[in-house]
Amino acid sequence: MSTGDGKPVLVRLAGVVKRFGDGAPALDDVSGDIRGGEITGLVGPDGAGKTTLIRLMTGLMQPEAGRITVLDHDARAEAPAIQAAIGYMPQRFGLYEDLSVQENLDLYADMRGLPHRQRPAVFDELLTFTDLKRFTARLAGKLSGGMKQKLGLACALIRKPRLLLLDEPGVGVDPISRRELWKMVENLTDEGIGVVWSTAYLDEAEACDRVLLMNAGKLLYSGAPSGLTDRVAGRVQRLTGIEGSRRRLLARLLDEDRVVDGVIQGEAIRLVLAEAGDADAVAKAINTDATRLVPATPRFEDAFVDMLGGGPGGRSALAEAQAPRETGNGRPVIEARGLTKRFGDFTAADRITFDIPRGQIFGLLGPNGAGKSTTFKMLCGLLKPTEGEGRVAGFDLRRDAAEARNRLGYMAQKFSLYGDLSVAQNLDFFAGVYGLSGARRRERIAMMLDIFDLKRQAAMSAKDLPLGLKQRLALAAAVMHEPEALFLDEPTSGVDPITRREFWTHINGLVEKGVTVLVTTHFMDEAEYCDRISLIYRGKSIALGSPDELKAKVAKPDRPDPTMEDAFISLIEASEQEAAA
């Protein structure tokens, strides 16, 4: 099979249906093609059906209806032939963490039947390709997230396939590692290999040659990314010169009928309008002389949110229920003074210093393994610093750890609630941990179930919740006791754009009430919500400032308006060059 431009069709999907149980189908009449020499983005939020569709393409599962043809093989009748010819990297890739990089390669070579005489040349090519030659003796469990994904890619390429299926390879990976993975995959398409790159990151969709955009099991769009972004052409505006709180203004604008979506971009606000001609009316509604609406380039995410009917609005019932925090004596709510953590001879965090005033969002950014999670854990009392001092709400984390922990709420990077307990039982448990009792305890639990729309799932085991609802539950548990400081460790990794906006609506509202937030994230657009950012690399803080200040540091005549991702990568590259000089 081939297309009009001569590119071979490697996968043909025709009316594919897959069900699990009696509910709505996981895949509902999905049709489309995947071609050689291209990256096809299988794009959509958690629960969209991406992993199910990939597993059907591998022949590991069978559809209830429809037909799947892979490399001219019928997926029902010829699954072994498909599995011998493709490369497949599952979402939770099966690396053996107690084996070294080389031992993992040896194992996968055995499983794929790679002849021993071919192995030295194949291993040399793959280790060069992934830049892992220096780490062949390192245990896979000791690799950073990005390096694990590179090793996973190498194992999937032990036998050069015509079709490579990658299930969310960028989840939890920092921007530098994601960019490196993209370059590797683009090199593969130059050899004619067809690549399916599954992702919930909508900025990754823009880099694909074609996309299959899915939501709740349905195919919403198939084609070039530009074909979708064209639907919001002329409707995307950037609001600058904001006077007063940009968070409060965004909340108000999101409740305007003329505004479909909006996010904070540093000191500006990015808006998607309902109609191209709505800009003047929105400008009048703001009614200040200093603000300006300037047309902005549409993004794939703008179009996707528009297709889903817009964002969740600007109202946060959680923030409305929050008692305002007093401004106090002006002392920072969170303080880091020379925080240092050593593990043996390795210094994970080296003299990290910053402070966060009340009612601000502070971001810790950095590549995987840079030291940001170590810094984060020291400040919320989970790790004892080797040197230096950390304070939360005035309490020293060494001497008064229990008092400090009672003043903060913590949402872990990975779902950390009790999977075998129900939603209501988790909330009840954490209410007790945070010292709530009696009527107050019952009131806060009922409020969390209502605000986060979890009443119908109250009796469900937490482990059975979809990812978006797990994140809601985790946030509900973290704010149960109205903490002064909120610690969020990559809180929205993998969730859909609507849930992410809902999440940040709550956070922005809480900050307006005086709550102080420390957040780590790999989403560079989320970093734009921060008042200030510390960029950590190799254990040190290499840059500190607002998002706009960090972007201004890397602006050039040929790149006058850099993105946060540009700033992230450029500042780290500059740090490496300085260290090498």
Protein backbone atom coordinates (compact mmCIF):
# COMPACT_ATOMS: atom_id res chain seq x y z
CA MET A 1 0.00 0.00 0.00
CA SER A 2 1.22 3.52 -0.71
CA THR A 3 -0.10 7.09 -0.77
CA GLY A 4 -0.26 9.54 -3.64
CA ASP A 5 3.14 10.97 -2.68
CA GLY A 6 4.76 7.55 -2.83
CA LYS A 7 5.09 7.01 0.92
CA PRO A 8 4.14 3.46 1.93
CA VAL A 9 1.17 2.91 4.21
CA LEU A 10 2.50 0.78 7.06
CA VAL A 11 -0.67 0.64 9.16
CA ARG A 12 -4.29 0.86 8.03
CA LEU A 13 -7.02 1.22 10.66
CA ALA A 14 -10.59 0.64 9.50
CA GLY A 15 -13.54 1.13 11.89
CA VAL A 16 -11.65 -0.19 14.92
CA VAL A 17 -13.73 -0.78 18.07
CA LYS A 18 -12.42 -2.06 21.41
CA ARG A 19 -14.39 -2.50 24.64
CA PHE A 20 -13.44 -3.35 28.21
CA GLY A 21 -16.56 -4.29 30.15
CA ASP A 22 -20.01 -2.77 29.70
CA GLY A 23 -19.11 0.93 29.62
CA ALA A 24 -18.34 3.21 26.71
CA PRO A 25 -15.85 1.70 24.21
CA ALA A 26 -12.17 2.42 24.73
CA LEU A 27 -11.98 2.87 20.95
CA ASP A 28 -15.03 3.83 18.95
CA ASP A 29 -14.88 3.45 15.13
CA VAL A 30 -11.29 4.62 14.67
CA SER A 31 -9.93 4.78 11.11
CA GLY A 32 -6.69 6.17 9.71
CA ASP A 33 -3.32 5.46 8.11
CA ILE A 34 0.27 5.50 9.36
CA ARG A 35 2.97 6.01 6.73
CA GLY A 36 6.64 5.23 6.38
CA GLY A 37 9.24 7.98 6.65
CA GLU A 38 7.00 10.08 8.92
CA ILE A 39 6.34 10.70 12.59
CA THR A 40 2.65 10.17 13.27
CA GLY A 41 1.55 11.68 16.56
CA LEU A 42 -1.05 9.64 18.43
CA VAL A 43 -2.23 12.56 20.51
CA GLY A 44 -4.70 12.87 23.36
CA PRO A 45 -5.12 13.01 27.14
CA ASP A 46 -4.97 10.13 29.58
CA GLY A 47 -7.84 7.75 28.85
CA ALA A 48 -8.16 8.80 25.20
CA GLY A 49 -7.39 5.27 23.95
CA LYS A 50 -3.80 5.79 22.76
CA THR A 51 -2.23 2.82 24.57
CA THR A 52 -5.12 0.54 23.60
CA LEU A 53 -4.70 1.45 19.93
CA ILE A 54 -0.93 0.86 20.04
CA ARG A 55 -1.39 -2.54 21.69
CA LEU A 56 -3.90 -3.48 18.98
CA MET A 57 -1.31 -2.54 16.33
CA THR A 58 1.20 -4.87 17.98
CA GLY A 59 -1.27 -7.78 17.91
CA LEU A 60 -1.14 -8.07 21.70
CA MET A 61 -4.91 -7.44 21.82
CA GLN A 62 -7.71 -7.94 19.32
CA PRO A 63 -10.50 -5.49 18.39
CA GLU A 64 -14.20 -6.28 18.76
CA ALA A 65 -14.89 -4.81 15.33
CA GLY A 66 -13.01 -3.33 12.42
CA ARG A 67 -9.72 -4.31 10.82
CA ILE A 68 -6.06 -3.49 11.45
CA THR A 69 -3.40 -4.19 8.82
CA VAL A 70 0.25 -3.74 9.85
CA LEU A 71 3.07 -4.14 7.29
CA ASP A 72 0.60 -6.00 5.05
CA HIS A 73 -0.22 -8.46 7.87
CA ASP A 74 -3.68 -8.85 9.37
CA ALA A 75 -3.40 -8.09 13.09
CA ARG A 76 -5.93 -10.79 14.00
CA ALA A 77 -4.44 -13.69 12.04
CA GLU A 78 -0.75 -12.79 11.78
CA ALA A 79 0.22 -11.22 15.11
CA PRO A 80 3.55 -13.14 15.43
CA ALA A 81 4.71 -11.86 12.03
CA ILE A 82 3.89 -8.29 13.08
CA GLN A 83 5.68 -8.63 16.41
CA ALA A 84 8.82 -9.93 14.68
CA ALA A 85 8.92 -6.94 12.30
CA ILE A 86 8.15 -3.92 14.52
CA GLY A 87 9.89 -2.05 17.34
CA TYR A 88 7.74 -1.35 20.39
CA MET A 89 8.48 0.74 23.47
CA PRO A 90 5.62 0.47 26.01
CA GLN A 91 4.59 3.33 28.27
CA ARG A 92 6.18 1.62 31.27
CA PHE A 93 9.17 0.25 29.44
CA GLY A 94 10.39 -3.13 30.69
CA LEU A 95 13.97 -2.24 31.57
CA TYR A 96 15.56 -4.45 34.18
CA GLU A 97 16.76 -1.94 36.74
CA ASP A 98 19.16 -4.37 38.43
CA LEU A 99 20.93 -4.98 35.11
CA SER A 100 23.44 -2.61 33.55
CA VAL A 101 22.89 -0.75 30.28
CA GLN A 102 24.96 -3.37 28.44
CA GLU A 103 23.20 -6.28 30.14
CA ASN A 104 19.80 -4.88 29.12
CA LEU A 105 21.00 -4.67 25.51
CA ASP A 106 22.30 -8.24 25.69
CA LEU A 107 18.99 -9.45 27.07
CA TYR A 108 16.90 -7.77 24.36
CA ALA A 109 19.29 -9.04 21.69
CA ASP A 110 18.66 -12.57 23.00
CA MET A 111 14.89 -12.05 23.04
CA ARG A 112 14.89 -10.66 19.47
CA GLY A 113 17.21 -13.40 18.19
CA LEU A 114 19.99 -11.07 17.03
CA PRO A 115 22.92 -13.25 15.84
CA HIS A 116 26.03 -12.93 18.03
CA ARG A 117 28.25 -11.98 15.08
CA GLN A 118 26.08 -8.92 14.41
CA ARG A 119 25.93 -7.69 18.01
CA PRO A 120 29.17 -5.69 18.31
CA ALA A 121 28.31 -3.52 15.32
CA VAL A 122 24.64 -3.12 16.33
CA PHE A 123 25.50 -2.26 19.95
CA ASP A 124 28.15 0.23 18.85
CA GLU A 125 25.67 1.95 16.52
CA LEU A 126 22.91 2.09 19.15
CA LEU A 127 25.18 3.31 21.96
CA THR A 128 26.57 6.02 19.69
CA PHE A 129 23.08 6.95 18.50
CA THR A 130 21.80 7.32 22.08
CA ASP A 131 25.03 8.73 23.56
CA LEU A 132 25.12 5.95 26.17
CA LYS A 133 28.62 4.59 25.50
CA ARG A 134 29.92 6.17 28.71
CA PHE A 135 27.26 4.44 30.78
CA THR A 136 27.34 0.79 29.65
CA ALA A 137 28.30 -0.41 33.15
CA ARG A 138 25.70 1.72 34.99
CA LEU A 139 22.62 -0.02 36.37
CA ALA A 140 19.46 0.95 34.50
CA GLY A 141 17.84 1.86 37.82
CA LYS A 142 20.51 4.51 38.37
CA LEU A 143 19.87 6.29 35.07
CA SER A 144 17.99 9.60 34.85
CA GLY A 145 14.53 9.61 33.29
CA GLY A 146 15.84 10.82 29.96
CA MET A 147 18.63 8.24 29.87
CA LYS A 148 16.16 5.45 30.66
CA GLN A 149 14.06 6.51 27.68
CA LYS A 150 17.16 6.49 25.45
CA LEU A 151 18.02 2.98 26.61
CA GLY A 152 14.43 1.93 26.01
CA LEU A 153 14.65 3.30 22.48
CA ALA A 154 17.92 1.42 21.89
CA CYS A 155 16.33 -1.85 23.06
CA ALA A 156 13.36 -1.28 20.73
CA LEU A 157 15.81 -0.83 17.83
CA ILE A 158 17.88 -3.99 18.44
CA ARG A 159 16.55 -5.20 15.09
CA LYS A 160 15.97 -2.20 12.80
CA PRO A 161 12.18 -2.17 12.28
CA ARG A 162 10.10 -0.71 9.47
CA LEU A 163 7.61 0.51 12.09
CA LEU A 164 8.47 1.87 15.56
CA LEU A 165 5.71 2.29 18.15
CA LEU A 166 6.57 4.60 21.08
CA ASP A 167 3.97 4.88 23.84
CA GLU A 168 4.40 8.27 25.59
CA PRO A 169 8.23 8.33 25.54
CA GLY A 170 8.30 11.97 26.68
CA VAL A 171 6.29 11.64 29.93
CA GLY A 172 8.28 12.89 32.91
CA VAL A 173 11.26 13.76 30.72
CA ASP A 174 12.85 17.22 30.82
CA PRO A 175 12.87 19.50 27.72
CA ILE A 176 16.51 18.76 26.85
CA SER A 177 16.01 14.99 26.90
CA ARG A 178 12.75 15.31 24.96
CA ARG A 179 14.49 17.39 22.29
CA GLU A 180 17.28 14.80 22.05
CA LEU A 181 14.73 11.98 21.70
CA TRP A 182 13.00 13.91 18.92
CA LYS A 183 16.26 14.33 17.01
CA MET A 184 16.94 10.60 17.28
CA VAL A 185 13.49 9.71 16.01
CA GLU A 186 13.69 12.22 13.15
CA ASN A 187 16.93 10.55 12.06
CA LEU A 188 15.08 7.23 11.92
CA THR A 189 12.41 8.61 9.60
CA ASP A 190 15.17 9.72 7.21
CA GLU A 191 15.83 5.98 6.78
CA GLY A 192 12.18 5.42 5.83
CA ILE A 193 11.08 4.04 9.21
CA GLY A 194 7.54 4.93 10.20
CA VAL A 195 7.22 6.16 13.78
CA VAL A 196 4.13 6.39 15.98
CA TRP A 197 4.79 8.78 18.87
CA SER A 198 2.02 8.67 21.47
CA THR A 199 1.79 11.75 23.65
CA ALA A 200 -0.39 13.88 25.92
CA TYR A 201 1.97 16.85 25.36
CA LEU A 202 0.25 18.94 22.72
CA ASP A 203 3.42 20.90 21.90
CA GLU A 204 4.88 17.58 20.71
CA ALA A 205 1.96 17.22 18.30
CA GLU A 206 3.14 20.31 16.42
CA ALA A 207 6.47 18.59 15.65
CA CYS A 208 4.78 15.56 14.02
CA ASP A 209 4.26 15.17 10.29
CA ARG A 210 0.70 14.01 10.85
CA VAL A 211 -1.48 13.46 13.91
CA LEU A 212 -4.32 11.25 14.99
CA LEU A 213 -6.03 13.33 17.70
CA MET A 214 -8.15 11.32 20.12
CA ASN A 215 -10.39 11.98 23.08
CA ALA A 216 -12.49 9.48 25.07
CA GLY A 217 -11.94 6.76 22.47
CA LYS A 218 -13.01 8.83 19.47
CA LEU A 219 -10.84 10.12 16.65
CA LEU A 220 -11.39 13.88 16.50
CA TYR A 221 -8.92 14.80 13.78
CA SER A 222 -6.52 13.15 11.33
CA GLY A 223 -4.04 15.12 9.24
CA ALA A 224 -1.23 17.66 9.44
CA PRO A 225 -1.05 19.63 12.71
CA SER A 226 -1.46 22.90 10.82
CA GLY A 227 -4.86 21.74 9.61
CA LEU A 228 -6.14 21.88 13.18
CA THR A 229 -4.41 25.10 14.28
CA ASP A 230 -5.98 26.84 11.28
CA ARG A 231 -9.36 26.64 13.06
CA VAL A 232 -8.22 29.29 15.60
CA ALA A 233 -6.40 31.53 13.11
CA GLY A 234 -7.04 35.18 13.94
CA ARG A 235 -8.54 34.33 17.34
CA VAL A 236 -5.41 34.09 19.51
CA GLN A 237 -4.32 37.27 21.31
CA ARG A 238 -1.60 38.17 23.81
CA LEU A 239 -2.56 40.69 26.50
CA THR A 240 0.35 42.82 27.74
CA GLY A 241 0.79 45.84 30.01
CA ILE A 242 -1.40 44.35 32.73
CA GLU A 243 -1.99 46.54 35.76
CA GLY A 244 -2.56 44.75 39.06
CA SER A 245 -2.94 41.01 39.45
CA ARG A 246 -2.77 39.06 36.19
CA ARG A 247 -4.25 36.04 37.98
CA ARG A 248 -7.34 37.98 39.04
CA LEU A 249 -7.71 39.43 35.55
CA LEU A 250 -7.39 36.00 33.92
CA ALA A 251 -10.09 34.58 36.21
CA ARG A 252 -12.43 37.41 35.20
CA LEU A 253 -11.69 37.06 31.47
CA LEU A 254 -12.26 33.30 31.51
CA ASP A 255 -15.84 33.91 32.56
CA GLU A 256 -16.43 36.20 29.56
CA ASP A 257 -18.53 34.62 26.78
CA ARG A 258 -16.10 35.98 24.18
CA VAL A 259 -13.12 34.15 25.72
CA VAL A 260 -12.76 30.42 24.96
CA ASP A 261 -9.47 29.83 26.76
CA GLY A 262 -6.71 31.69 28.54
CA VAL A 263 -3.37 31.00 30.23
CA ILE A 264 -0.71 33.12 31.92
CA GLN A 265 2.52 33.77 30.01
CA GLY A 266 4.92 35.47 32.42
CA GLU A 267 3.62 39.02 32.86
CA ALA A 268 1.18 38.59 29.95
CA ILE A 269 -2.00 36.57 29.34
CA ARG A 270 -2.64 34.46 26.25
CA LEU A 271 -6.29 34.34 25.13
CA VAL A 272 -8.27 32.35 22.58
CA LEU A 273 -11.35 34.31 21.53
CA ALA A 274 -14.66 32.92 20.35
CA GLU A 275 -14.58 35.04 17.16
CA ALA A 276 -11.80 36.87 15.34
CA GLY A 277 -13.68 40.14 15.75
CA ASP A 278 -13.99 39.90 19.56
CA ALA A 279 -10.66 41.57 20.36
CA ASP A 280 -12.07 45.11 20.57
CA ALA A 281 -14.91 44.04 22.86
CA VAL A 282 -12.50 42.18 25.17
CA ALA A 283 -10.18 45.20 25.27
CA LYS A 284 -13.12 47.41 26.29
CA ALA A 285 -14.09 44.94 29.03
CA ILE A 286 -10.58 45.28 30.51
CA ASN A 287 -10.93 49.07 30.35
CA THR A 288 -7.37 50.24 31.09
CA ASP A 289 -5.10 52.44 29.00
CA ALA A 290 -1.92 50.41 29.59
CA THR A 291 -3.09 46.98 28.41
CA ARG A 292 -2.66 45.94 24.78
CA LEU A 293 -4.06 42.99 22.82
CA VAL A 294 -1.56 41.77 20.21
CA PRO A 295 -2.22 38.90 17.75
CA ALA A 296 -0.30 35.72 18.63
CA THR A 297 0.60 32.62 16.63
CA PRO A 298 -1.95 29.84 17.19
CA ARG A 299 -0.78 26.62 18.85
CA PHE A 300 -2.07 23.07 18.53
CA GLU A 301 -3.23 23.20 22.16
CA ASP A 302 -5.31 26.33 21.46
CA ALA A 303 -7.17 24.46 18.73
CA PHE A 304 -7.65 21.30 20.81
CA VAL A 305 -9.13 23.18 23.77
CA ASP A 306 -11.35 25.12 21.33
CA MET A 307 -12.49 21.82 19.75
CA LEU A 308 -13.44 20.51 23.22
CA GLY A 309 -15.61 23.57 23.84
CA GLY A 310 -13.14 25.70 25.77
CA GLY A 311 -11.53 25.69 29.19
CA PRO A 312 -13.20 25.25 32.59
CA GLY A 313 -13.74 28.96 33.30
CA GLY A 314 -12.11 31.19 35.88
CA ARG A 315 -14.04 30.38 39.06
CA SER A 316 -12.40 28.26 41.78
CA ALA A 317 -14.78 27.02 44.45
CA LEU A 318 -11.70 25.87 46.39
CA ALA A 319 -10.25 29.38 46.50
CA GLU A 320 -13.63 30.87 47.37
CA ALA A 321 -13.79 28.58 50.42
CA GLN A 322 -10.24 29.50 51.48
CA ALA A 323 -9.89 32.00 54.32
CA PRO A 324 -7.55 34.85 53.28
CA ARG A 325 -4.06 34.64 54.75
CA GLU A 326 -2.80 37.65 56.67
CA THR A 327 0.22 39.36 55.14
CA GLY A 328 2.08 38.87 58.44
CA ASN A 329 5.41 40.49 59.24
CA GLY A 330 6.72 40.35 55.68
CA ARG A 331 8.97 37.37 56.38
CA PRO A 332 9.11 34.81 53.54
CA VAL A 333 6.88 31.77 53.96
CA ILE A 334 9.47 29.41 52.43
CA GLU A 335 13.20 29.97 52.87
CA ALA A 336 16.24 28.07 51.57
CA ARG A 337 19.61 29.18 52.90
CA GLY A 338 22.61 27.32 51.48
CA LEU A 339 20.72 24.02 51.30
CA THR A 340 23.14 21.21 50.49
CA LYS A 341 22.58 17.46 50.26
CA ARG A 342 25.31 14.88 49.76
CA PHE A 343 24.89 11.17 49.16
CA GLY A 344 28.36 9.82 49.85
CA ASP A 345 30.74 11.58 47.46
CA PHE A 346 27.89 12.86 45.28
CA THR A 347 26.48 16.34 45.89
CA ALA A 348 22.86 16.33 44.72
CA ALA A 349 22.11 19.92 45.81
CA ASP A 350 24.82 22.51 46.37
CA ARG A 351 24.15 25.66 48.44
CA ILE A 352 20.68 26.36 47.06
CA THR A 353 19.39 29.74 48.28
CA PHE A 354 16.09 31.53 47.67
CA ASP A 355 13.01 32.75 49.52
CA ILE A 356 9.33 32.88 48.60
CA PRO A 357 7.07 35.67 49.91
CA ARG A 358 3.48 35.00 50.85
CA GLY A 359 1.09 34.69 47.93
CA GLN A 360 3.63 33.83 45.22
CA ILE A 361 4.34 30.82 43.00
CA PHE A 362 7.98 29.76 42.85
CA GLY A 363 9.17 27.19 40.30
CA LEU A 364 12.05 24.74 40.53
CA LEU A 365 13.09 23.78 37.01
CA GLY A 366 15.88 21.57 35.76
CA PRO A 367 16.74 18.45 33.78
CA ASN A 368 16.15 14.98 35.23
CA GLY A 369 18.75 14.35 37.92
CA ALA A 370 19.68 18.03 38.29
CA GLY A 371 18.84 18.24 42.00
CA LYS A 372 15.46 19.99 41.98
CA SER A 373 13.56 17.07 43.56
CA THR A 374 16.25 16.78 46.25
CA THR A 375 15.88 20.50 47.02
CA PHE A 376 12.10 20.15 47.00
CA LYS A 377 12.18 17.20 49.43
CA MET A 378 14.50 19.02 51.83
CA LEU A 379 12.11 21.97 51.98
CA CYS A 380 9.07 19.86 52.77
CA GLY A 381 10.88 17.88 55.45
CA LEU A 382 11.26 14.57 53.58
CA LEU A 383 15.07 14.80 53.39
CA LYS A 384 17.46 16.11 56.02
CA PRO A 385 19.98 18.57 54.54
CA THR A 386 23.69 17.90 54.93
CA GLU A 387 24.26 21.64 55.33
CA GLY A 388 22.23 24.81 55.25
CA GLU A 389 18.83 25.76 56.56
CA GLY A 390 15.26 25.50 55.35
CA ARG A 391 12.21 27.16 56.88
CA VAL A 392 8.46 26.92 56.28
CA ALA A 393 6.16 29.47 57.91
CA GLY A 394 9.04 30.46 60.19
CA PHE A 395 9.70 26.91 61.45
CA ASP A 396 13.18 25.45 61.05
CA LEU A 397 12.96 22.11 59.23
CA ARG A 398 15.73 20.61 61.37
CA ARG A 399 14.38 21.54 64.82
CA ASP A 400 10.67 21.97 64.20
CA ALA A 401 9.95 19.53 61.36
CA ALA A 402 6.56 18.41 62.71
CA GLU A 403 5.28 21.98 63.13
CA ALA A 404 6.55 22.93 59.65
CA ARG A 405 4.84 19.92 58.02
CA ASN A 406 1.52 20.86 59.61
CA ARG A 407 1.71 24.23 57.82
CA LEU A 408 2.25 22.75 54.37
CA GLY A 409 0.37 20.60 51.89
CA TYR A 410 2.30 18.14 49.71
CA MET A 411 1.36 16.65 46.34
CA ALA A 412 3.92 14.07 45.22
CA GLN A 413 5.31 13.57 41.72
CA LYS A 414 3.87 10.06 41.56
CA PHE A 415 0.43 9.24 42.91
CA SER A 416 1.15 8.70 46.60
CA LEU A 417 -2.27 8.11 48.11
CA TYR A 418 -3.44 4.68 49.25
CA GLY A 419 -4.66 2.77 46.22
CA ASP A 420 -6.58 0.13 48.15
CA LEU A 421 -8.50 2.75 50.13
CA SER A 422 -11.54 4.42 48.60
CA VAL A 423 -11.58 8.09 47.65
CA ALA A 424 -13.53 8.97 50.83
CA GLN A 425 -11.23 6.84 53.00
CA ASN A 426 -8.15 8.59 51.61
CA LEU A 427 -9.64 11.97 52.40
CA ASP A 428 -10.60 10.82 55.88
CA PHE A 429 -7.11 9.44 56.51
CA PHE A 430 -5.36 12.64 55.43
CA ALA A 431 -7.80 14.78 57.40
CA GLY A 432 -6.66 12.84 60.47
CA VAL A 433 -2.97 13.16 59.55
CA TYR A 434 -3.40 16.92 59.36
CA GLY A 435 -5.12 17.06 62.75
CA LEU A 436 -8.73 17.68 61.65
CA SER A 437 -11.45 16.18 63.83
CA GLY A 438 -15.17 16.28 64.57
CA ALA A 439 -17.45 18.55 62.57
CA ARG A 440 -14.52 20.34 60.95
CA ARG A 441 -13.19 17.05 59.59
CA ARG A 442 -16.57 16.01 58.17
CA GLU A 443 -17.12 19.46 56.70
CA ARG A 444 -13.76 19.55 54.89
CA ILE A 445 -14.16 16.02 53.48
CA ALA A 446 -17.62 16.84 52.13
CA MET A 447 -16.28 20.08 50.68
CA MET A 448 -13.40 18.32 48.87
CA LEU A 449 -15.74 15.71 47.38
CA ASP A 450 -17.98 18.50 46.12
CA ILE A 451 -15.33 20.95 44.85
CA PHE A 452 -13.35 18.29 42.98
CA ASP A 453 -16.47 16.53 41.67
CA LEU A 454 -15.58 13.23 43.35
CA LYS A 455 -18.93 12.37 44.95
CA ARG A 456 -19.75 9.65 42.41
CA GLN A 457 -16.32 8.07 42.94
CA ALA A 458 -16.33 8.35 46.76
CA ALA A 459 -16.56 4.56 47.24
CA MET A 460 -14.15 3.69 44.39
CA SER A 461 -10.63 2.48 45.15
CA ALA A 462 -8.13 5.25 44.46
CA LYS A 463 -5.98 2.97 42.27
CA ASP A 464 -8.90 2.48 39.85
CA LEU A 465 -9.40 6.19 39.15
CA PRO A 466 -8.38 7.69 35.79
CA LEU A 467 -5.22 9.79 36.05
CA GLY A 468 -7.08 13.13 35.97
CA LEU A 469 -9.27 12.11 38.92
CA LYS A 470 -6.24 10.75 40.80
CA GLN A 471 -4.63 14.18 40.48
CA ARG A 472 -7.81 15.85 41.73
CA LEU A 473 -7.85 13.54 44.73
CA ALA A 474 -4.17 14.17 45.45
CA LEU A 475 -4.70 17.93 45.38
CA ALA A 476 -7.81 17.60 47.55
CA ALA A 477 -5.79 15.68 50.16
CA ALA A 478 -2.99 18.27 50.05
CA VAL A 479 -5.30 21.24 50.70
CA MET A 480 -7.59 19.53 53.21
CA HIS A 481 -6.22 21.55 56.14
CA GLU A 482 -5.89 24.96 54.38
CA PRO A 483 -2.07 25.00 54.42
CA GLU A 484 -0.01 28.18 54.29
CA ALA A 485 2.41 26.61 51.78
CA LEU A 486 1.65 24.14 49.01
CA PHE A 487 4.37 21.89 47.58
CA LEU A 488 3.55 20.51 44.11
CA ASP A 489 5.99 18.04 42.54
CA GLU A 490 5.19 17.74 38.80
CA PRO A 491 1.47 17.81 39.62
CA THR A 492 -0.03 17.62 36.12
CA SER A 493 2.27 15.19 34.28
CA GLY A 494 0.21 13.24 31.74
CA VAL A 495 -3.18 14.84 32.41
CA ASP A 496 -5.31 16.44 29.72
CA PRO A 497 -5.27 20.21 28.99
CA ILE A 498 -8.72 20.83 30.48
CA THR A 499 -7.77 19.17 33.78
CA ARG A 500 -4.49 21.12 33.81
CA ARG A 501 -6.38 24.39 33.38
CA GLU A 502 -8.83 23.42 36.11
CA PHE A 503 -5.88 22.63 38.37
CA TRP A 504 -4.18 25.98 37.73
CA THR A 505 -7.45 27.86 38.20
CA HIS A 506 -7.52 26.46 41.75
CA ILE A 507 -3.84 27.25 42.35
CA ASN A 508 -4.10 30.80 41.02
CA GLY A 509 -7.16 31.37 43.20
CA LEU A 510 -5.41 30.06 46.32
CA VAL A 511 -2.39 32.28 45.65
CA GLU A 512 -4.71 35.27 45.45
CA LYS A 513 -5.86 34.32 48.97
CA GLY A 514 -2.26 34.38 50.24
CA VAL A 515 -1.22 30.72 49.87
CA THR A 516 2.44 30.27 48.86
CA VAL A 517 3.31 27.63 46.24
CA LEU A 518 6.52 25.78 45.39
CA VAL A 519 6.21 23.74 42.18
CA THR A 520 8.39 21.55 39.98
CA THR A 521 7.35 20.92 36.40
CA HIS A 522 8.58 19.78 32.99
CA PHE A 523 5.78 21.74 31.27
CA MET A 524 7.43 24.97 30.21
CA ASP A 525 4.07 26.67 29.71
CA GLU A 526 3.27 25.88 33.37
CA ALA A 527 6.51 27.57 34.39
CA GLU A 528 4.99 30.77 32.98
CA TYR A 529 2.53 30.80 35.92
CA CYS A 530 5.43 31.29 38.35
CA ASP A 531 6.36 34.66 39.81
CA ARG A 532 9.99 33.53 39.99
CA ILE A 533 11.97 30.48 38.93
CA SER A 534 15.22 28.86 40.03
CA LEU A 535 16.83 26.82 37.25
CA ILE A 536 18.88 24.03 38.81
CA TYR A 537 21.59 22.13 36.96
CA ARG A 538 24.16 19.70 38.32
CA GLY A 539 23.07 20.53 41.84
CA LYS A 540 23.51 24.30 41.54
CA SER A 541 21.10 27.16 40.89
CA ILE A 542 22.35 28.60 37.58
CA ALA A 543 19.60 31.21 37.08
CA LEU A 544 17.04 32.93 39.28
CA GLY A 545 14.34 35.35 38.15
CA SER A 546 10.87 35.79 36.70
CA PRO A 547 9.92 33.87 33.52
CA ASP A 548 10.22 37.08 31.50
CA GLU A 549 13.65 37.83 32.99
CA LEU A 550 14.96 34.36 32.12
CA LYS A 551 13.61 34.62 28.58
CA ALA A 552 15.16 38.09 28.18
CA LYS A 553 18.59 36.62 29.10
CA VAL A 554 18.59 34.40 26.00
CA ALA A 555 16.90 36.76 23.52
CA LYS A 556 18.90 37.38 20.33
CA PRO A 557 18.35 39.42 17.16
CA ASP A 558 17.33 36.23 15.34
CA ARG A 559 15.20 35.11 18.32
CA PRO A 560 13.71 38.25 19.84
CA ASP A 561 10.83 36.45 21.60
CA PRO A 562 12.18 33.16 23.00
CA THR A 563 9.95 30.61 24.69
CA MET A 564 10.51 29.24 28.17
CA GLU A 565 11.83 26.05 26.56
CA ASP A 566 14.34 28.15 24.60
CA ALA A 567 15.41 29.82 27.86
CA PHE A 568 15.66 26.48 29.69
CA ILE A 569 17.90 24.90 27.06
CA SER A 570 20.01 27.99 26.31
CA LEU A 571 20.77 28.69 29.98
CA ILE A 572 21.86 25.11 30.57
CA GLU A 573 24.02 25.11 27.44
CA ALA A 574 25.63 28.37 28.62
CA SER A 575 26.32 26.80 32.03
CA GLU A 576 28.00 23.82 30.36
CA GLN A 577 30.15 26.09 28.20
CA GLU A 578 31.16 28.12 31.25
CA ALA A 579 32.09 24.95 33.17
CA ALA A 580 34.15 23.68 30.24
CA ALA A 581 36.07 26.98 29.79
